[in-house]
Amino acid sequence: MSKKYVSVAFAYVGVIVGAGLASGQDLLQYFLSFGAPGLIGIAALGVLNIIFGVVALQLGSYFRSGHHDDVFERITHPVVRRVIDVVLVFSGFAMGFVMLAGAGANLEQQFGLPAWAGSAVCSGLVILTAFLDFDRIMEVIGVFTPMIVIAIIVLVIYSLVTPHPSMAELNATATQVTPALPNLWFSTINYFALCVVNGIGMAFVLGGSVLRIGEARLAGRIGGTIIALVIGGDALALYLNMDRIWDVNVPALEIARTIHPWFAFVYTLIIFALIYNTVFSLFFATARRFSGGSTKRMRIVLVGVVALGYAASLMGFKKLIGGMYPIIGWLGVALLVVLA
């Protein structure tokens, strides 16, 4: 067995762990707004992500997928396939510009850089990456995975060893966060569907680059497990610091600041890198869908998509998560039914 499954697993983590998860804003609105019970939803989300990673990468490998339509044209009715295609293209673009807004919010909170400038830097990096070959792209996407794992471990250890309010006080503070959805289980299903929409296009492409299905399965299992651990650790750290982070744009960064200014600096760059990973994956998968197999055409389409996404990102990160994510999540439920 080759070692390619490791790079594929790390790249898959880089695709899923984007602006919301690394920054903590997604977890705050979807889960921790319900207090301690939200951690149960986090655990369920972790298990579901492991299952999804295995299924998606295996399907991509089995059908030698170059883009998501290569798989759906083989496993769905033509009408259903067309609906799913439209949903994925729309959702991928929508999530992409939310992530670009996250890039701007991240740099603004740490460095005071205008949000539009941070989003512009991320957009430029996405366009430049499109001019690399695919193996190099996969390496770039996966290189930051070990960094976020180490950073989350530091956040968790710090949160556990420092004094924090009682569970009753933390739960009371959590109620001040406006939840994305009114029910924890709806939130869990919706957010998992959001992960599916976010990751399925690039997961199929990554799976399609692996010749052996067993390797694709292993990559999905490893990648899904890392994602589950990152989500769980991030959520625990956020919950224990709820009194300080409930009303900020990038809550995980706020915790990093209390540890040490240099750690906050490094964590800012890690969040930015993961946002860039996810934005690139979403827009790259969309561009591949319309490229007709032509690399030149793919790059042209990607430049256009990034330009439109940048314009849309100027509406603001926190507002976009609360407004766009639940809608995209429910569209993703349809994909879960098809995959099941």
Protein backbone atom coordinates (compact mmCIF):
# COMPACT_ATOMS: atom_id res chain seq x y z
CA MET A 1 0.00 0.00 0.00
CA SER A 2 1.35 3.44 -0.93
CA LYS A 3 1.51 6.34 1.48
CA LYS A 4 -0.68 8.59 -0.67
CA TYR A 5 -3.64 7.98 1.64
CA VAL A 6 -1.89 10.11 4.29
CA SER A 7 -1.65 13.17 2.03
CA VAL A 8 -5.24 12.61 0.85
CA ALA A 9 -6.46 12.35 4.47
CA PHE A 10 -4.67 15.57 5.46
CA ALA A 11 -5.99 17.36 2.38
CA TYR A 12 -9.52 16.21 3.22
CA VAL A 13 -9.18 17.66 6.73
CA GLY A 14 -8.00 20.93 5.22
CA VAL A 15 -11.11 21.02 3.03
CA ILE A 16 -13.60 20.49 5.87
CA VAL A 17 -11.93 22.54 8.63
CA GLY A 18 -12.45 26.07 7.35
CA ALA A 19 -13.36 29.50 8.65
CA GLY A 20 -16.20 28.50 10.95
CA LEU A 21 -14.64 25.49 12.64
CA ALA A 22 -11.14 26.91 13.11
CA SER A 23 -12.50 30.27 14.27
CA GLY A 24 -15.20 28.72 16.47
CA GLN A 25 -18.04 30.90 15.14
CA ASP A 26 -19.91 27.94 13.57
CA LEU A 27 -19.73 25.86 16.74
CA LEU A 28 -20.82 28.81 18.85
CA GLN A 29 -24.00 29.47 16.86
CA TYR A 30 -24.93 25.88 15.98
CA PHE A 31 -24.09 24.01 19.20
CA LEU A 32 -22.76 25.97 22.16
CA SER A 33 -25.69 28.40 22.10
CA PHE A 34 -27.57 25.47 23.71
CA GLY A 35 -25.06 25.23 26.57
CA ALA A 36 -23.53 21.95 27.76
CA PRO A 37 -26.05 19.77 25.81
CA GLY A 38 -24.50 21.22 22.67
CA LEU A 39 -21.41 19.07 23.34
CA ILE A 40 -23.58 15.97 22.74
CA GLY A 41 -24.41 17.32 19.29
CA ILE A 42 -20.69 17.91 18.73
CA ALA A 43 -19.96 14.24 19.51
CA ALA A 44 -22.66 13.10 17.06
CA LEU A 45 -21.24 15.44 14.42
CA GLY A 46 -17.79 13.91 14.86
CA VAL A 47 -19.06 10.35 14.29
CA LEU A 48 -21.05 11.43 11.21
CA ASN A 49 -17.98 13.11 9.72
CA ILE A 50 -15.97 9.89 10.02
CA ILE A 51 -18.69 7.96 8.17
CA PHE A 52 -18.98 10.63 5.50
CA GLY A 53 -15.22 10.74 4.91
CA VAL A 54 -15.11 7.00 4.28
CA VAL A 55 -18.14 7.03 1.93
CA ALA A 56 -17.18 10.11 -0.10
CA LEU A 57 -13.54 9.18 -0.73
CA GLN A 58 -14.49 5.60 -1.62
CA LEU A 59 -17.08 6.77 -4.15
CA GLY A 60 -14.57 9.18 -5.68
CA SER A 61 -12.00 6.39 -5.99
CA TYR A 62 -14.46 3.84 -7.38
CA PHE A 63 -15.69 6.16 -10.15
CA ARG A 64 -12.28 7.82 -10.76
CA SER A 65 -13.98 11.15 -10.22
CA GLY A 66 -12.65 14.38 -11.69
CA HIS A 67 -15.58 16.40 -10.31
CA HIS A 68 -18.81 15.71 -8.39
CA ASP A 69 -20.96 15.11 -11.48
CA ASP A 70 -18.80 12.10 -12.43
CA VAL A 71 -20.22 10.31 -9.39
CA PHE A 72 -23.79 11.55 -9.31
CA GLU A 73 -24.40 10.71 -12.97
CA ARG A 74 -23.68 7.07 -12.07
CA ILE A 75 -25.67 6.76 -8.84
CA THR A 76 -28.76 8.96 -9.35
CA HIS A 77 -31.64 9.52 -11.76
CA PRO A 78 -30.84 12.22 -14.37
CA VAL A 79 -33.41 14.62 -12.92
CA VAL A 80 -32.12 14.15 -9.37
CA ARG A 81 -28.57 14.49 -10.62
CA ARG A 82 -29.35 17.83 -12.23
CA VAL A 83 -30.97 19.17 -9.06
CA ILE A 84 -27.98 18.05 -6.98
CA ASP A 85 -25.59 19.61 -9.47
CA VAL A 86 -27.35 22.97 -9.17
CA VAL A 87 -27.43 22.70 -5.36
CA LEU A 88 -23.72 21.91 -5.15
CA VAL A 89 -22.69 24.69 -7.52
CA PHE A 90 -24.82 27.27 -5.70
CA SER A 91 -23.84 26.04 -2.24
CA GLY A 92 -20.14 25.82 -3.07
CA PHE A 93 -20.15 29.41 -4.31
CA ALA A 94 -22.16 30.65 -1.31
CA MET A 95 -19.93 28.92 1.23
CA GLY A 96 -16.87 30.15 -0.62
CA PHE A 97 -17.77 33.81 -0.22
CA VAL A 98 -18.70 33.25 3.44
CA MET A 99 -15.20 31.83 3.92
CA LEU A 100 -13.66 34.84 2.18
CA ALA A 101 -15.54 37.06 4.62
CA GLY A 102 -14.07 34.92 7.41
CA ALA A 103 -10.56 35.57 6.11
CA GLY A 104 -11.19 39.29 6.35
CA ALA A 105 -12.73 39.08 9.85
CA ASN A 106 -9.79 37.00 11.10
CA LEU A 107 -7.10 39.47 10.04
CA GLU A 108 -9.20 42.44 11.12
CA GLN A 109 -9.63 41.10 14.66
CA GLN A 110 -5.93 40.30 15.14
CA PHE A 111 -4.13 42.99 13.12
CA GLY A 112 -6.74 45.71 12.56
CA LEU A 113 -6.46 45.18 8.80
CA PRO A 114 -9.67 46.20 6.98
CA ALA A 115 -11.85 43.15 6.34
CA TRP A 116 -11.98 43.82 2.61
CA ALA A 117 -8.16 43.71 2.43
CA GLY A 118 -7.90 40.35 4.21
CA SER A 119 -10.52 38.87 1.89
CA ALA A 120 -8.62 40.25 -1.10
CA VAL A 121 -5.35 38.61 0.03
CA CYS A 122 -7.11 35.26 0.39
CA SER A 123 -8.71 35.66 -3.06
CA GLY A 124 -5.33 36.33 -4.63
CA LEU A 125 -3.77 33.23 -3.04
CA VAL A 126 -6.66 31.06 -4.29
CA ILE A 127 -6.10 32.26 -7.85
CA LEU A 128 -2.33 31.70 -7.67
CA THR A 129 -2.77 28.15 -6.34
CA ALA A 130 -4.91 27.22 -9.36
CA PHE A 131 -1.77 27.44 -11.49
CA LEU A 132 -0.06 24.55 -9.66
CA ASP A 133 -0.37 20.88 -10.69
CA PHE A 134 -2.88 18.74 -8.77
CA ASP A 135 -0.40 16.77 -6.63
CA ARG A 136 1.20 20.01 -5.48
CA ILE A 137 -2.26 21.48 -4.78
CA MET A 138 -3.06 18.46 -2.59
CA GLU A 139 0.18 18.96 -0.65
CA VAL A 140 -0.58 22.65 -0.10
CA ILE A 141 -4.11 21.92 1.14
CA GLY A 142 -2.90 19.26 3.60
CA VAL A 143 0.20 20.96 4.99
CA PHE A 144 -1.69 22.96 7.63
CA THR A 145 -3.59 20.00 9.12
CA PRO A 146 -0.92 19.07 11.73
CA MET A 147 -0.72 22.74 12.73
CA ILE A 148 -4.42 23.09 13.57
CA VAL A 149 -4.33 19.81 15.52
CA ILE A 150 -1.43 21.08 17.66
CA ALA A 151 -3.07 24.49 18.09
CA ILE A 152 -6.38 22.96 19.25
CA ILE A 153 -4.50 20.76 21.75
CA VAL A 154 -2.89 23.89 23.20
CA LEU A 155 -6.29 25.63 23.46
CA VAL A 156 -7.84 22.62 25.21
CA ILE A 157 -5.00 22.18 27.72
CA TYR A 158 -5.02 25.89 28.55
CA SER A 159 -8.80 25.90 29.00
CA LEU A 160 -8.70 22.87 31.30
CA VAL A 161 -5.90 24.06 33.58
CA THR A 162 -7.07 27.67 34.02
CA PRO A 163 -9.98 28.68 36.29
CA HIS A 164 -13.35 29.09 34.58
CA PRO A 165 -16.92 29.81 35.73
CA SER A 166 -19.28 27.07 36.92
CA MET A 167 -21.32 25.07 34.42
CA ALA A 168 -24.45 26.97 35.47
CA GLU A 169 -22.75 30.30 34.72
CA LEU A 170 -21.38 29.04 31.41
CA ASN A 171 -24.83 27.80 30.37
CA ALA A 172 -26.38 31.13 31.35
CA THR A 173 -23.83 32.99 29.20
CA ALA A 174 -24.43 30.59 26.31
CA THR A 175 -28.10 31.59 26.17
CA GLN A 176 -26.98 35.09 25.09
CA VAL A 177 -25.72 33.64 21.77
CA THR A 178 -28.35 33.68 19.04
CA PRO A 179 -28.62 30.06 17.80
CA ALA A 180 -28.51 29.37 14.07
CA LEU A 181 -31.51 27.03 14.49
CA PRO A 182 -34.02 26.67 17.33
CA ASN A 183 -33.32 22.98 18.09
CA LEU A 184 -30.05 21.16 18.88
CA TRP A 185 -30.85 18.09 16.77
CA PHE A 186 -31.91 20.21 13.82
CA SER A 187 -28.65 22.08 14.28
CA THR A 188 -26.65 18.83 14.27
CA ILE A 189 -28.32 17.50 11.12
CA ASN A 190 -28.15 20.86 9.39
CA TYR A 191 -24.49 21.40 10.23
CA PHE A 192 -23.50 17.91 9.15
CA ALA A 193 -25.30 18.52 5.86
CA LEU A 194 -23.33 21.75 5.64
CA CYS A 195 -20.10 19.76 6.01
CA VAL A 196 -21.30 17.44 3.23
CA VAL A 197 -22.00 20.34 0.87
CA ASN A 198 -18.70 21.92 1.84
CA GLY A 199 -16.58 18.81 1.33
CA ILE A 200 -18.24 16.48 -1.14
CA GLY A 201 -17.01 18.08 -4.37
CA MET A 202 -13.35 18.10 -3.36
CA ALA A 203 -13.71 14.76 -1.52
CA PHE A 204 -14.77 13.11 -4.77
CA VAL A 205 -11.82 14.74 -6.57
CA LEU A 206 -9.39 13.63 -3.85
CA GLY A 207 -10.85 10.11 -3.86
CA GLY A 208 -10.56 10.03 -7.65
CA SER A 209 -6.80 10.55 -7.33
CA VAL A 210 -6.46 7.30 -5.31
CA LEU A 211 -6.36 4.11 -7.41
CA ARG A 212 -7.06 1.60 -4.63
CA ILE A 213 -10.44 1.78 -2.89
CA GLY A 214 -8.92 0.39 0.33
CA GLU A 215 -6.54 3.35 0.47
CA ALA A 216 -9.40 5.77 -0.14
CA ARG A 217 -11.37 4.14 2.69
CA LEU A 218 -8.39 4.44 5.04
CA ALA A 219 -7.83 8.07 4.05
CA GLY A 220 -11.48 8.83 4.80
CA ARG A 221 -11.30 7.11 8.18
CA ILE A 222 -8.12 8.94 9.21
CA GLY A 223 -9.29 12.30 7.90
CA GLY A 224 -12.75 11.95 9.48
CA THR A 225 -11.24 11.01 12.85
CA ILE A 226 -8.92 14.04 12.82
CA ILE A 227 -11.88 16.28 11.96
CA ALA A 228 -13.92 14.77 14.84
CA LEU A 229 -11.08 15.41 17.30
CA VAL A 230 -10.55 18.98 16.07
CA ILE A 231 -14.28 19.72 16.36
CA GLY A 232 -14.51 18.18 19.83
CA GLY A 233 -11.41 19.92 21.19
CA ASP A 234 -12.39 23.28 19.72
CA ALA A 235 -15.92 23.03 21.16
CA LEU A 236 -14.67 22.12 24.65
CA ALA A 237 -12.23 25.03 24.73
CA LEU A 238 -14.93 27.44 23.56
CA TYR A 239 -17.45 26.21 26.13
CA LEU A 240 -15.03 26.60 29.03
CA ASN A 241 -14.33 30.19 27.96
CA MET A 242 -17.91 31.10 27.08
CA ASP A 243 -17.92 34.13 29.37
CA ARG A 244 -15.17 35.76 27.28
CA ILE A 245 -15.94 34.74 23.73
CA TRP A 246 -19.72 34.61 23.28
CA ASP A 247 -19.98 37.93 21.39
CA VAL A 248 -16.77 38.08 19.29
CA ASN A 249 -16.33 37.35 15.57
CA VAL A 250 -13.45 34.87 15.95
CA PRO A 251 -13.91 33.31 19.42
CA ALA A 252 -11.06 30.77 19.24
CA LEU A 253 -8.65 33.60 18.45
CA GLU A 254 -9.84 35.44 21.55
CA ILE A 255 -8.79 32.42 23.67
CA ALA A 256 -5.44 32.30 21.88
CA ARG A 257 -4.85 35.94 22.81
CA THR A 258 -5.17 35.15 26.52
CA ILE A 259 -2.50 32.44 26.22
CA HIS A 260 0.22 34.58 24.62
CA PRO A 261 0.40 37.27 21.92
CA TRP A 262 2.76 35.15 19.83
CA PHE A 263 0.43 32.16 20.01
CA ALA A 264 -2.43 34.41 18.91
CA PHE A 265 -0.29 35.57 15.98
CA VAL A 266 0.43 31.99 14.91
CA TYR A 267 -3.20 30.93 15.42
CA THR A 268 -4.36 33.81 13.22
CA LEU A 269 -2.14 32.56 10.40
CA ILE A 270 -3.38 28.97 10.88
CA ILE A 271 -7.03 30.08 10.70
CA PHE A 272 -6.26 32.12 7.60
CA ALA A 273 -4.51 29.14 6.00
CA LEU A 274 -7.46 26.83 6.70
CA ILE A 275 -9.90 29.39 5.33
CA TYR A 276 -7.77 29.63 2.21
CA ASN A 277 -7.80 25.81 1.94
CA THR A 278 -11.58 25.66 2.07
CA VAL A 279 -12.15 28.60 -0.28
CA PHE A 280 -9.79 27.10 -2.80
CA SER A 281 -11.39 23.66 -2.54
CA LEU A 282 -14.92 25.02 -3.01
CA PHE A 283 -14.06 27.26 -5.95
CA PHE A 284 -11.68 24.72 -7.52
CA ALA A 285 -14.33 21.98 -7.43
CA THR A 286 -16.83 24.38 -9.01
CA ALA A 287 -14.36 25.43 -11.71
CA ARG A 288 -13.49 21.78 -12.47
CA ARG A 289 -17.21 21.10 -12.95
CA PHE A 290 -17.38 23.65 -15.81
CA SER A 291 -13.92 23.13 -17.29
CA GLY A 292 -14.80 20.30 -19.68
CA GLY A 293 -11.47 18.69 -18.78
CA SER A 294 -9.47 21.77 -19.87
CA THR A 295 -7.02 23.13 -17.32
CA LYS A 296 -6.90 26.52 -19.06
CA ARG A 297 -10.68 26.85 -19.01
CA MET A 298 -10.78 25.74 -15.37
CA ARG A 299 -8.42 28.56 -14.40
CA ILE A 300 -10.46 31.14 -16.29
CA VAL A 301 -13.69 29.99 -14.63
CA LEU A 302 -12.01 29.98 -11.21
CA VAL A 303 -10.81 33.58 -11.60
CA GLY A 304 -14.36 34.65 -12.45
CA VAL A 305 -15.87 32.73 -9.53
CA VAL A 306 -13.33 34.19 -7.09
CA ALA A 307 -14.04 37.73 -8.28
CA LEU A 308 -17.79 37.30 -7.77
CA GLY A 309 -17.22 35.61 -4.40
CA TYR A 310 -15.01 38.45 -3.22
CA ALA A 311 -17.71 41.01 -4.04
CA ALA A 312 -20.31 38.98 -2.11
CA SER A 313 -17.97 38.53 0.89
CA LEU A 314 -18.11 42.24 1.70
CA MET A 315 -21.45 41.70 3.50
CA GLY A 316 -19.61 40.51 6.66
CA PHE A 317 -18.65 37.18 8.22
CA LYS A 318 -20.88 36.84 11.31
CA LYS A 319 -23.97 38.01 9.45
CA LEU A 320 -23.32 35.63 6.55
CA ILE A 321 -22.92 32.58 8.81
CA GLY A 322 -26.20 33.28 10.60
CA GLY A 323 -28.08 33.92 7.35
CA MET A 324 -26.56 31.64 4.70
CA TYR A 325 -25.42 28.53 6.56
CA PRO A 326 -28.83 27.20 7.68
CA ILE A 327 -30.18 27.55 4.12
CA ILE A 328 -27.21 25.71 2.63
CA GLY A 329 -27.46 23.07 5.35
CA TRP A 330 -31.03 22.16 4.47
CA LEU A 331 -30.06 21.91 0.80
CA GLY A 332 -27.35 19.51 1.93
CA VAL A 333 -29.91 17.21 3.56
CA ALA A 334 -31.02 16.22 0.05
CA LEU A 335 -27.46 15.06 -0.65
CA LEU A 336 -27.48 12.93 2.49
CA VAL A 337 -30.59 11.14 1.29
CA VAL A 338 -28.97 10.37 -2.07
CA LEU A 339 -25.70 9.17 -0.51
CA ALA A 340 -27.57 6.99 1.98
